[in-house]
Amino acid sequence: MTTIDLRRLHIRPGDVREEMLDVELEPFVLGGQRYESSPAVLPVEIRISQASGATVFDMQLEARLTGPCMRCLAFADVNRLVSAREFNDPDAPKADELRSEYVTDDHLDVSAWARDAIALELPEQILCRPECAGLCPVCGKDLNAEPHEHTEREPDPRWAALSELRDQL
C-alpha cells in the first residue's frame, strides 16, 4: 500500500507540492476473469494544493491492463490515461462529500485511489478488438477464426408440449 504522509509536506494555503510515486496495483477481477497491470508498478504523479483550509489532490497516471477478452477469451489489453481529483476538508463531517475517503489520519492512500480511478475508466467490456465475434454458444468455437452457424439444431425437448399445442390450434 502506497501512502503519502500529508503532515511531512507542511503545505500552507497557496502552496503546491508535486510527488512522483511508484504504485503497485492489485489485479482486477472482472466478470470472473483476472486482469493485471502491465507493468505491475505504475508511476503516479500527485499534485497537492491547499485552498481555504481544504486540500485538493490531483492524480495522473497511465495504466495498461492485460487479460482475457470477455467475448472470445483471447489476449486483450486496455490502455487508459487516468486523471482524478479529490477534495478533503478535515473540518467537514465524516460522511460529507467534502471529505475524501482516501485520507485517513493525515495519510493519503494513493494505492486505493489509483485502483478506484482506473476502475472508473475501464470500458464496460474488455475486448481483444471492438468487432470481436466471441465464441459460438452451441459448439464453443472461436467465431473470429471460424465464422459459422448451426442450422441443423434439434429443438429443445422441453418445448415439445408447446409444439403439440401449436399443431392442435
N, C-alpha and C. Protein backbone atom coordinates (compact mmCIF):
# COMPACT_ATOMS: atom_id res chain seq x y z
N MET A 1 0.85 -1.17 0.00
CA MET A 1 0.00 0.00 0.00
C MET A 1 0.89 1.24 0.00
N THR A 2 0.69 2.11 -0.96
CA THR A 2 1.47 3.34 -1.08
C THR A 2 0.68 4.50 -0.51
N THR A 3 1.27 5.21 0.42
CA THR A 3 0.60 6.36 1.03
C THR A 3 1.53 7.56 1.03
N ILE A 4 0.93 8.73 1.23
CA ILE A 4 1.70 9.96 1.40
C ILE A 4 1.34 10.51 2.78
N ASP A 5 2.35 10.77 3.58
CA ASP A 5 2.14 11.39 4.88
C ASP A 5 1.98 12.89 4.65
N LEU A 6 0.77 13.38 4.78
CA LEU A 6 0.48 14.78 4.48
C LEU A 6 1.10 15.74 5.51
N ARG A 7 1.35 15.26 6.71
CA ARG A 7 1.97 16.13 7.74
C ARG A 7 3.39 16.50 7.36
N ARG A 8 4.12 15.60 6.73
CA ARG A 8 5.52 15.89 6.40
C ARG A 8 5.65 16.92 5.29
N LEU A 9 4.58 17.16 4.53
CA LEU A 9 4.64 18.12 3.42
C LEU A 9 4.57 19.57 3.88
N HIS A 10 3.95 19.81 5.05
CA HIS A 10 3.81 21.16 5.59
C HIS A 10 3.26 22.13 4.55
N ILE A 11 2.12 21.79 3.98
CA ILE A 11 1.51 22.64 2.95
C ILE A 11 0.72 23.75 3.61
N ARG A 12 0.96 24.97 3.14
CA ARG A 12 0.22 26.14 3.60
C ARG A 12 -0.68 26.62 2.47
N PRO A 13 -1.69 27.42 2.77
CA PRO A 13 -2.57 27.93 1.71
C PRO A 13 -1.76 28.58 0.58
N GLY A 14 -2.08 28.18 -0.63
CA GLY A 14 -1.38 28.69 -1.81
C GLY A 14 -0.21 27.82 -2.25
N ASP A 15 0.26 26.92 -1.38
CA ASP A 15 1.37 26.03 -1.73
C ASP A 15 0.90 24.91 -2.65
N VAL A 16 1.81 24.46 -3.50
CA VAL A 16 1.54 23.31 -4.37
C VAL A 16 2.76 22.40 -4.28
N ARG A 17 2.50 21.12 -4.03
CA ARG A 17 3.57 20.12 -3.99
C ARG A 17 3.28 19.06 -5.05
N GLU A 18 4.33 18.60 -5.69
CA GLU A 18 4.19 17.52 -6.66
C GLU A 18 5.01 16.34 -6.17
N GLU A 19 4.40 15.16 -6.24
CA GLU A 19 5.04 13.93 -5.81
C GLU A 19 4.95 12.91 -6.94
N MET A 20 6.05 12.22 -7.19
CA MET A 20 6.04 11.09 -8.14
C MET A 20 6.23 9.83 -7.30
N LEU A 21 5.29 8.91 -7.44
CA LEU A 21 5.33 7.68 -6.66
C LEU A 21 5.22 6.47 -7.57
N ASP A 22 5.80 5.37 -7.16
CA ASP A 22 5.60 4.10 -7.83
C ASP A 22 4.56 3.34 -7.03
N VAL A 23 3.44 3.00 -7.69
CA VAL A 23 2.32 2.35 -7.02
C VAL A 23 2.14 0.96 -7.59
N GLU A 24 2.12 -0.04 -6.71
CA GLU A 24 1.85 -1.41 -7.13
C GLU A 24 0.34 -1.66 -7.04
N LEU A 25 -0.23 -2.14 -8.15
CA LEU A 25 -1.67 -2.38 -8.19
C LEU A 25 -1.99 -3.85 -8.00
N GLU A 26 -3.03 -4.10 -7.22
CA GLU A 26 -3.57 -5.45 -7.10
C GLU A 26 -4.26 -5.79 -8.41
N PRO A 27 -4.29 -7.05 -8.83
CA PRO A 27 -5.02 -7.42 -10.04
C PRO A 27 -6.52 -7.13 -9.89
N PHE A 28 -7.16 -6.83 -11.00
CA PHE A 28 -8.60 -6.61 -11.03
C PHE A 28 -9.26 -7.94 -11.38
N VAL A 29 -10.39 -8.25 -10.78
CA VAL A 29 -11.19 -9.42 -11.15
C VAL A 29 -12.52 -8.88 -11.65
N LEU A 30 -12.73 -9.02 -12.96
CA LEU A 30 -13.93 -8.50 -13.62
C LEU A 30 -14.61 -9.64 -14.36
N GLY A 31 -15.88 -9.85 -14.09
CA GLY A 31 -16.59 -10.93 -14.76
C GLY A 31 -15.97 -12.29 -14.51
N GLY A 32 -15.35 -12.46 -13.35
CA GLY A 32 -14.72 -13.73 -13.02
C GLY A 32 -13.35 -13.92 -13.66
N GLN A 33 -12.87 -12.93 -14.41
CA GLN A 33 -11.56 -13.04 -15.06
C GLN A 33 -10.58 -12.08 -14.41
N ARG A 34 -9.32 -12.45 -14.43
CA ARG A 34 -8.26 -11.68 -13.77
C ARG A 34 -7.55 -10.78 -14.80
N TYR A 35 -7.43 -9.50 -14.47
CA TYR A 35 -6.74 -8.53 -15.32
C TYR A 35 -5.65 -7.88 -14.49
N GLU A 36 -4.42 -7.92 -15.02
CA GLU A 36 -3.27 -7.42 -14.28
C GLU A 36 -2.70 -6.18 -14.95
N SER A 37 -2.12 -5.33 -14.12
CA SER A 37 -1.47 -4.14 -14.62
C SER A 37 -0.14 -4.54 -15.25
N SER A 38 0.17 -3.92 -16.38
CA SER A 38 1.44 -4.20 -17.04
C SER A 38 2.10 -2.87 -17.35
N PRO A 39 3.14 -2.50 -16.66
CA PRO A 39 3.86 -3.22 -15.61
C PRO A 39 3.07 -3.22 -14.30
N ALA A 40 3.50 -4.05 -13.38
CA ALA A 40 2.80 -4.18 -12.10
C ALA A 40 2.94 -2.94 -11.24
N VAL A 41 4.03 -2.20 -11.42
CA VAL A 41 4.26 -0.97 -10.67
C VAL A 41 4.13 0.21 -11.63
N LEU A 42 3.21 1.12 -11.31
CA LEU A 42 2.94 2.27 -12.18
C LEU A 42 3.48 3.56 -11.58
N PRO A 43 4.08 4.42 -12.43
CA PRO A 43 4.45 5.74 -11.92
C PRO A 43 3.20 6.61 -11.85
N VAL A 44 2.99 7.24 -10.71
CA VAL A 44 1.81 8.06 -10.47
C VAL A 44 2.27 9.46 -10.07
N GLU A 45 1.69 10.46 -10.74
CA GLU A 45 2.01 11.85 -10.42
C GLU A 45 0.88 12.42 -9.57
N ILE A 46 1.22 12.93 -8.40
CA ILE A 46 0.25 13.53 -7.47
C ILE A 46 0.61 15.00 -7.30
N ARG A 47 -0.41 15.82 -7.41
CA ARG A 47 -0.24 17.26 -7.17
C ARG A 47 -1.15 17.63 -6.00
N ILE A 48 -0.57 18.24 -4.98
CA ILE A 48 -1.30 18.56 -3.76
C ILE A 48 -1.26 20.07 -3.56
N SER A 49 -2.45 20.65 -3.36
CA SER A 49 -2.50 22.09 -3.11
C SER A 49 -3.47 22.37 -1.97
N GLN A 50 -3.25 23.50 -1.33
CA GLN A 50 -4.06 23.90 -0.17
C GLN A 50 -4.87 25.12 -0.58
N ALA A 51 -6.17 25.08 -0.27
CA ALA A 51 -7.03 26.22 -0.57
C ALA A 51 -8.10 26.34 0.50
N SER A 52 -8.14 27.46 1.18
CA SER A 52 -9.18 27.76 2.18
C SER A 52 -9.33 26.67 3.23
N GLY A 53 -8.25 26.14 3.74
CA GLY A 53 -8.32 25.14 4.79
C GLY A 53 -8.54 23.72 4.30
N ALA A 54 -8.83 23.56 3.01
CA ALA A 54 -9.03 22.22 2.45
C ALA A 54 -7.86 21.88 1.53
N THR A 55 -7.71 20.60 1.27
CA THR A 55 -6.62 20.14 0.40
C THR A 55 -7.22 19.56 -0.87
N VAL A 56 -6.59 19.91 -2.00
CA VAL A 56 -7.02 19.40 -3.30
C VAL A 56 -5.91 18.48 -3.81
N PHE A 57 -6.30 17.27 -4.21
CA PHE A 57 -5.36 16.28 -4.74
C PHE A 57 -5.69 16.02 -6.20
N ASP A 58 -4.69 16.09 -7.06
CA ASP A 58 -4.85 15.74 -8.47
C ASP A 58 -3.88 14.60 -8.77
N MET A 59 -4.37 13.61 -9.50
CA MET A 59 -3.55 12.44 -9.82
C MET A 59 -3.60 12.19 -11.32
N GLN A 60 -2.46 11.82 -11.87
CA GLN A 60 -2.39 11.41 -13.27
C GLN A 60 -1.52 10.17 -13.37
N LEU A 61 -2.00 9.23 -14.20
CA LEU A 61 -1.22 8.02 -14.44
C LEU A 61 -1.67 7.40 -15.76
N GLU A 62 -0.83 6.54 -16.27
CA GLU A 62 -1.17 5.79 -17.48
C GLU A 62 -1.18 4.32 -17.10
N ALA A 63 -2.31 3.66 -17.36
CA ALA A 63 -2.46 2.26 -16.96
C ALA A 63 -2.70 1.38 -18.17
N ARG A 64 -2.16 0.17 -18.10
CA ARG A 64 -2.39 -0.85 -19.12
C ARG A 64 -2.76 -2.13 -18.39
N LEU A 65 -3.98 -2.62 -18.65
CA LEU A 65 -4.42 -3.88 -18.07
C LEU A 65 -4.44 -4.95 -19.13
N THR A 66 -3.98 -6.14 -18.78
CA THR A 66 -3.99 -7.27 -19.70
C THR A 66 -4.73 -8.44 -19.08
N GLY A 67 -5.39 -9.21 -19.96
CA GLY A 67 -6.14 -10.37 -19.51
C GLY A 67 -6.94 -10.94 -20.66
N PRO A 68 -7.91 -11.80 -20.39
CA PRO A 68 -8.69 -12.42 -21.46
C PRO A 68 -9.79 -11.50 -21.99
N CYS A 69 -10.06 -11.64 -23.29
CA CYS A 69 -11.18 -10.94 -23.92
C CYS A 69 -12.47 -11.47 -23.29
N MET A 70 -13.41 -10.60 -23.01
CA MET A 70 -14.66 -11.01 -22.37
C MET A 70 -15.62 -11.73 -23.33
N ARG A 71 -15.30 -11.75 -24.62
CA ARG A 71 -16.15 -12.47 -25.58
C ARG A 71 -15.53 -13.77 -26.07
N CYS A 72 -14.23 -13.75 -26.41
CA CYS A 72 -13.63 -14.94 -27.01
C CYS A 72 -12.50 -15.55 -26.17
N LEU A 73 -12.13 -14.91 -25.07
CA LEU A 73 -11.09 -15.37 -24.15
C LEU A 73 -9.67 -15.28 -24.70
N ALA A 74 -9.48 -14.63 -25.87
CA ALA A 74 -8.14 -14.40 -26.39
C ALA A 74 -7.49 -13.28 -25.57
N PHE A 75 -6.22 -13.01 -25.84
CA PHE A 75 -5.50 -11.95 -25.12
C PHE A 75 -6.12 -10.59 -25.45
N ALA A 76 -6.29 -9.78 -24.43
CA ALA A 76 -6.81 -8.42 -24.60
C ALA A 76 -6.04 -7.48 -23.69
N ASP A 77 -5.89 -6.25 -24.15
CA ASP A 77 -5.30 -5.24 -23.27
C ASP A 77 -6.02 -3.92 -23.46
N VAL A 78 -6.01 -3.14 -22.39
CA VAL A 78 -6.69 -1.85 -22.36
C VAL A 78 -5.70 -0.82 -21.85
N ASN A 79 -5.53 0.26 -22.59
CA ASN A 79 -4.67 1.37 -22.16
C ASN A 79 -5.55 2.55 -21.81
N ARG A 80 -5.28 3.18 -20.69
CA ARG A 80 -6.07 4.33 -20.25
C ARG A 80 -5.15 5.38 -19.62
N LEU A 81 -5.37 6.62 -20.00
CA LEU A 81 -4.79 7.76 -19.31
C LEU A 81 -5.80 8.17 -18.25
N VAL A 82 -5.40 8.17 -17.01
CA VAL A 82 -6.32 8.40 -15.91
C VAL A 82 -5.97 9.70 -15.20
N SER A 83 -6.97 10.54 -15.07
CA SER A 83 -6.84 11.77 -14.27
C SER A 83 -7.95 11.75 -13.23
N ALA A 84 -7.61 12.10 -12.01
CA ALA A 84 -8.61 12.09 -10.95
C ALA A 84 -8.33 13.25 -9.99
N ARG A 85 -9.40 13.71 -9.34
CA ARG A 85 -9.28 14.80 -8.38
C ARG A 85 -10.06 14.43 -7.13
N GLU A 86 -9.47 14.72 -5.98
CA GLU A 86 -10.11 14.52 -4.69
C GLU A 86 -9.98 15.81 -3.89
N PHE A 87 -10.96 16.04 -3.06
CA PHE A 87 -11.01 17.23 -2.22
C PHE A 87 -11.18 16.76 -0.79
N ASN A 88 -10.40 17.32 0.12
CA ASN A 88 -10.50 16.91 1.51
C ASN A 88 -10.52 18.12 2.44
N ASP A 89 -11.64 18.28 3.14
CA ASP A 89 -11.78 19.31 4.16
C ASP A 89 -11.82 18.58 5.50
N PRO A 90 -10.75 18.68 6.30
CA PRO A 90 -10.72 17.94 7.56
C PRO A 90 -11.78 18.40 8.56
N ASP A 91 -12.34 19.59 8.38
CA ASP A 91 -13.35 20.10 9.30
C ASP A 91 -14.76 19.65 8.92
N ALA A 92 -14.93 19.05 7.76
CA ALA A 92 -16.26 18.59 7.33
C ALA A 92 -16.63 17.32 8.11
N PRO A 93 -17.95 17.08 8.27
CA PRO A 93 -18.37 15.83 8.94
C PRO A 93 -17.85 14.60 8.19
N LYS A 94 -17.70 13.51 8.92
CA LYS A 94 -17.09 12.29 8.35
C LYS A 94 -17.76 11.80 7.07
N ALA A 95 -19.08 11.81 7.00
CA ALA A 95 -19.79 11.26 5.83
C ALA A 95 -20.02 12.31 4.75
N ASP A 96 -19.45 13.48 4.89
CA ASP A 96 -19.67 14.58 3.95
C ASP A 96 -18.88 14.37 2.66
N GLU A 97 -19.41 14.89 1.54
CA GLU A 97 -18.71 14.80 0.26
C GLU A 97 -17.41 15.59 0.24
N LEU A 98 -17.28 16.52 1.15
CA LEU A 98 -16.08 17.36 1.19
C LEU A 98 -14.90 16.67 1.85
N ARG A 99 -15.13 15.46 2.33
CA ARG A 99 -14.05 14.66 2.93
C ARG A 99 -13.71 13.51 2.01
N SER A 100 -12.45 13.35 1.71
CA SER A 100 -12.01 12.26 0.85
C SER A 100 -11.92 10.96 1.64
N GLU A 101 -12.44 9.88 1.07
CA GLU A 101 -12.34 8.58 1.72
C GLU A 101 -10.93 8.02 1.67
N TYR A 102 -10.06 8.64 0.88
CA TYR A 102 -8.68 8.16 0.74
C TYR A 102 -7.73 8.81 1.75
N VAL A 103 -8.22 9.76 2.52
CA VAL A 103 -7.39 10.41 3.54
C VAL A 103 -7.82 9.89 4.91
N THR A 104 -6.87 9.26 5.62
CA THR A 104 -7.11 8.74 6.97
C THR A 104 -5.91 9.10 7.83
N ASP A 105 -6.18 9.76 8.93
CA ASP A 105 -5.11 10.14 9.86
C ASP A 105 -3.96 10.86 9.15
N ASP A 106 -4.28 11.82 8.31
CA ASP A 106 -3.31 12.64 7.57
C ASP A 106 -2.42 11.81 6.63
N HIS A 107 -2.94 10.68 6.16
CA HIS A 107 -2.24 9.87 5.15
C HIS A 107 -3.16 9.69 3.95
N LEU A 108 -2.64 9.97 2.76
CA LEU A 108 -3.38 9.78 1.52
C LEU A 108 -3.06 8.39 0.98
N ASP A 109 -4.07 7.54 0.85
CA ASP A 109 -3.89 6.18 0.34
C ASP A 109 -3.90 6.23 -1.19
N VAL A 110 -2.73 6.36 -1.78
CA VAL A 110 -2.59 6.51 -3.23
C VAL A 110 -2.93 5.20 -3.94
N SER A 111 -2.60 4.07 -3.36
CA SER A 111 -2.88 2.78 -3.99
C SER A 111 -4.38 2.58 -4.21
N ALA A 112 -5.17 2.79 -3.18
CA ALA A 112 -6.63 2.61 -3.30
C ALA A 112 -7.23 3.63 -4.26
N TRP A 113 -6.76 4.87 -4.19
CA TRP A 113 -7.28 5.91 -5.06
C TRP A 113 -6.96 5.61 -6.52
N ALA A 114 -5.73 5.19 -6.81
CA ALA A 114 -5.33 4.86 -8.18
C ALA A 114 -6.16 3.68 -8.71
N ARG A 115 -6.33 2.66 -7.90
CA ARG A 115 -7.10 1.49 -8.31
C ARG A 115 -8.55 1.86 -8.63
N ASP A 116 -9.17 2.65 -7.77
CA ASP A 116 -10.56 3.07 -8.00
C ASP A 116 -10.67 3.96 -9.23
N ALA A 117 -9.71 4.86 -9.42
CA ALA A 117 -9.73 5.75 -10.58
C ALA A 117 -9.59 4.96 -11.89
N ILE A 118 -8.74 3.94 -11.88
CA ILE A 118 -8.58 3.08 -13.07
C ILE A 118 -9.88 2.32 -13.33
N ALA A 119 -10.47 1.76 -12.28
CA ALA A 119 -11.71 1.00 -12.44
C ALA A 119 -12.81 1.85 -13.06
N LEU A 120 -12.88 3.13 -12.70
CA LEU A 120 -13.90 4.01 -13.26
C LEU A 120 -13.66 4.32 -14.74
N GLU A 121 -12.43 4.19 -15.20
CA GLU A 121 -12.09 4.48 -16.60
C GLU A 121 -12.17 3.26 -17.52
N LEU A 122 -12.36 2.08 -16.95
CA LEU A 122 -12.39 0.87 -17.77
C LEU A 122 -13.67 0.80 -18.61
N PRO A 123 -13.57 0.20 -19.80
CA PRO A 123 -14.78 0.03 -20.61
C PRO A 123 -15.71 -1.01 -19.98
N GLU A 124 -16.94 -1.02 -20.47
CA GLU A 124 -17.92 -1.98 -19.95
C GLU A 124 -17.46 -3.42 -20.18
N GLN A 125 -16.86 -3.67 -21.34
CA GLN A 125 -16.31 -4.99 -21.65
C GLN A 125 -14.88 -4.82 -22.15
N ILE A 126 -13.97 -5.65 -21.69
CA ILE A 126 -12.60 -5.65 -22.18
C ILE A 126 -12.54 -6.65 -23.32
N LEU A 127 -12.25 -6.15 -24.52
CA LEU A 127 -12.28 -6.97 -25.73
C LEU A 127 -10.92 -6.98 -26.41
N CYS A 128 -10.66 -8.07 -27.16
CA CYS A 128 -9.41 -8.16 -27.92
C CYS A 128 -9.43 -7.17 -29.08
N ARG A 129 -10.60 -6.89 -29.61
CA ARG A 129 -10.82 -5.87 -30.65
C ARG A 129 -12.30 -5.51 -30.64
N PRO A 130 -12.67 -4.32 -31.07
CA PRO A 130 -14.07 -3.89 -30.97
C PRO A 130 -15.06 -4.79 -31.69
N GLU A 131 -14.66 -5.38 -32.81
CA GLU A 131 -15.58 -6.21 -33.60
C GLU A 131 -15.48 -7.70 -33.26
N CYS A 132 -14.98 -8.04 -32.08
CA CYS A 132 -14.85 -9.44 -31.67
C CYS A 132 -16.20 -10.14 -31.73
N ALA A 133 -16.24 -11.29 -32.42
CA ALA A 133 -17.48 -12.05 -32.58
C ALA A 133 -17.74 -13.00 -31.42
N GLY A 134 -16.75 -13.28 -30.62
CA GLY A 134 -16.94 -14.14 -29.45
C GLY A 134 -16.86 -15.62 -29.76
N LEU A 135 -17.46 -16.42 -28.88
CA LEU A 135 -17.47 -17.87 -29.02
C LEU A 135 -18.86 -18.33 -29.44
N CYS A 136 -18.92 -19.42 -30.20
CA CYS A 136 -20.20 -19.99 -30.63
C CYS A 136 -20.92 -20.54 -29.40
N PRO A 137 -22.18 -20.15 -29.18
CA PRO A 137 -22.90 -20.63 -28.00
C PRO A 137 -23.27 -22.12 -28.07
N VAL A 138 -23.18 -22.72 -29.27
CA VAL A 138 -23.52 -24.13 -29.43
C VAL A 138 -22.30 -25.02 -29.27
N CYS A 139 -21.23 -24.74 -30.04
CA CYS A 139 -20.07 -25.63 -30.02
C CYS A 139 -18.85 -25.05 -29.32
N GLY A 140 -18.85 -23.74 -29.03
CA GLY A 140 -17.75 -23.13 -28.30
C GLY A 140 -16.56 -22.73 -29.14
N LYS A 141 -16.64 -22.84 -30.48
CA LYS A 141 -15.52 -22.45 -31.33
C LYS A 141 -15.44 -20.93 -31.42
N ASP A 142 -14.22 -20.45 -31.67
CA ASP A 142 -13.97 -19.01 -31.81
C ASP A 142 -14.56 -18.53 -33.13
N LEU A 143 -15.57 -17.67 -33.07
CA LEU A 143 -16.24 -17.17 -34.27
C LEU A 143 -15.39 -16.18 -35.04
N ASN A 144 -14.32 -15.68 -34.44
CA ASN A 144 -13.39 -14.80 -35.16
C ASN A 144 -12.56 -15.61 -36.15
N ALA A 145 -12.11 -16.78 -35.73
CA ALA A 145 -11.26 -17.63 -36.56
C ALA A 145 -12.09 -18.50 -37.51
N GLU A 146 -13.26 -18.90 -37.09
CA GLU A 146 -14.09 -19.83 -37.86
C GLU A 146 -15.56 -19.42 -37.78
N PRO A 147 -15.96 -18.39 -38.55
CA PRO A 147 -17.37 -17.98 -38.51
C PRO A 147 -18.27 -19.09 -39.07
N HIS A 148 -19.35 -19.40 -38.38
CA HIS A 148 -20.27 -20.43 -38.83
C HIS A 148 -21.61 -20.30 -38.12
N GLU A 149 -22.60 -21.04 -38.59
CA GLU A 149 -23.92 -21.08 -37.96
C GLU A 149 -24.32 -22.54 -37.83
N HIS A 150 -25.18 -22.81 -36.89
CA HIS A 150 -25.71 -24.15 -36.70
C HIS A 150 -27.18 -24.13 -37.13
N THR A 151 -27.44 -24.60 -38.35
CA THR A 151 -28.82 -24.59 -38.86
C THR A 151 -29.55 -25.89 -38.57
N GLU A 152 -28.82 -26.95 -38.31
CA GLU A 152 -29.43 -28.27 -38.09
C GLU A 152 -29.73 -28.53 -36.63
N ARG A 153 -30.00 -27.51 -35.87
CA ARG A 153 -30.23 -27.69 -34.44
C ARG A 153 -31.53 -28.43 -34.18
N GLU A 154 -31.45 -29.35 -33.26
CA GLU A 154 -32.63 -30.09 -32.81
C GLU A 154 -33.40 -29.19 -31.84
N PRO A 155 -34.72 -29.19 -31.93
CA PRO A 155 -35.47 -28.38 -30.96
C PRO A 155 -35.31 -28.95 -29.55
N ASP A 156 -35.35 -28.08 -28.62
CA ASP A 156 -35.22 -28.46 -27.22
C ASP A 156 -36.43 -29.31 -26.84
N PRO A 157 -36.25 -30.53 -26.30
CA PRO A 157 -37.37 -31.41 -25.98
C PRO A 157 -38.32 -30.82 -24.93
N ARG A 158 -37.87 -29.85 -24.17
CA ARG A 158 -38.75 -29.23 -23.18
C ARG A 158 -39.87 -28.43 -23.83
N TRP A 159 -39.72 -28.08 -25.11
CA TRP A 159 -40.73 -27.30 -25.83
C TRP A 159 -41.70 -28.20 -26.60
N ALA A 160 -41.55 -29.49 -26.53
CA ALA A 160 -42.37 -30.42 -27.32
C ALA A 160 -43.86 -30.26 -27.02
N ALA A 161 -44.23 -30.08 -25.77
CA ALA A 161 -45.65 -29.93 -25.42
C ALA A 161 -46.24 -28.69 -26.07
N LEU A 162 -45.47 -27.62 -26.17
CA LEU A 162 -45.97 -26.40 -26.82
C LEU A 162 -46.09 -26.61 -28.32
N SER A 163 -45.19 -27.38 -28.91
CA SER A 163 -45.28 -27.68 -30.34
C SER A 163 -46.55 -28.45 -30.65
N GLU A 164 -46.87 -29.42 -29.80
CA GLU A 164 -48.10 -30.19 -29.99
C GLU A 164 -49.33 -29.29 -29.87
N LEU A 165 -49.30 -28.39 -28.91
CA LEU A 165 -50.41 -27.45 -28.73
C LEU A 165 -50.56 -26.55 -29.96
N ARG A 166 -49.43 -26.09 -30.52
CA ARG A 166 -49.48 -25.25 -31.72
C ARG A 166 -50.09 -26.03 -32.87
N ASP A 167 -49.76 -27.32 -33.02
CA ASP A 167 -50.32 -28.14 -34.10
C ASP A 167 -51.81 -28.31 -33.93
N GLN A 168 -52.31 -28.37 -32.71
CA GLN A 168 -53.74 -28.54 -32.47
C GLN A 168 -54.53 -27.29 -32.79
N LEU A 169 -53.92 -26.12 -32.71
CA LEU A 169 -54.63 -24.86 -33.00
C LEU A 169 -54.60 -24.66 -34.46
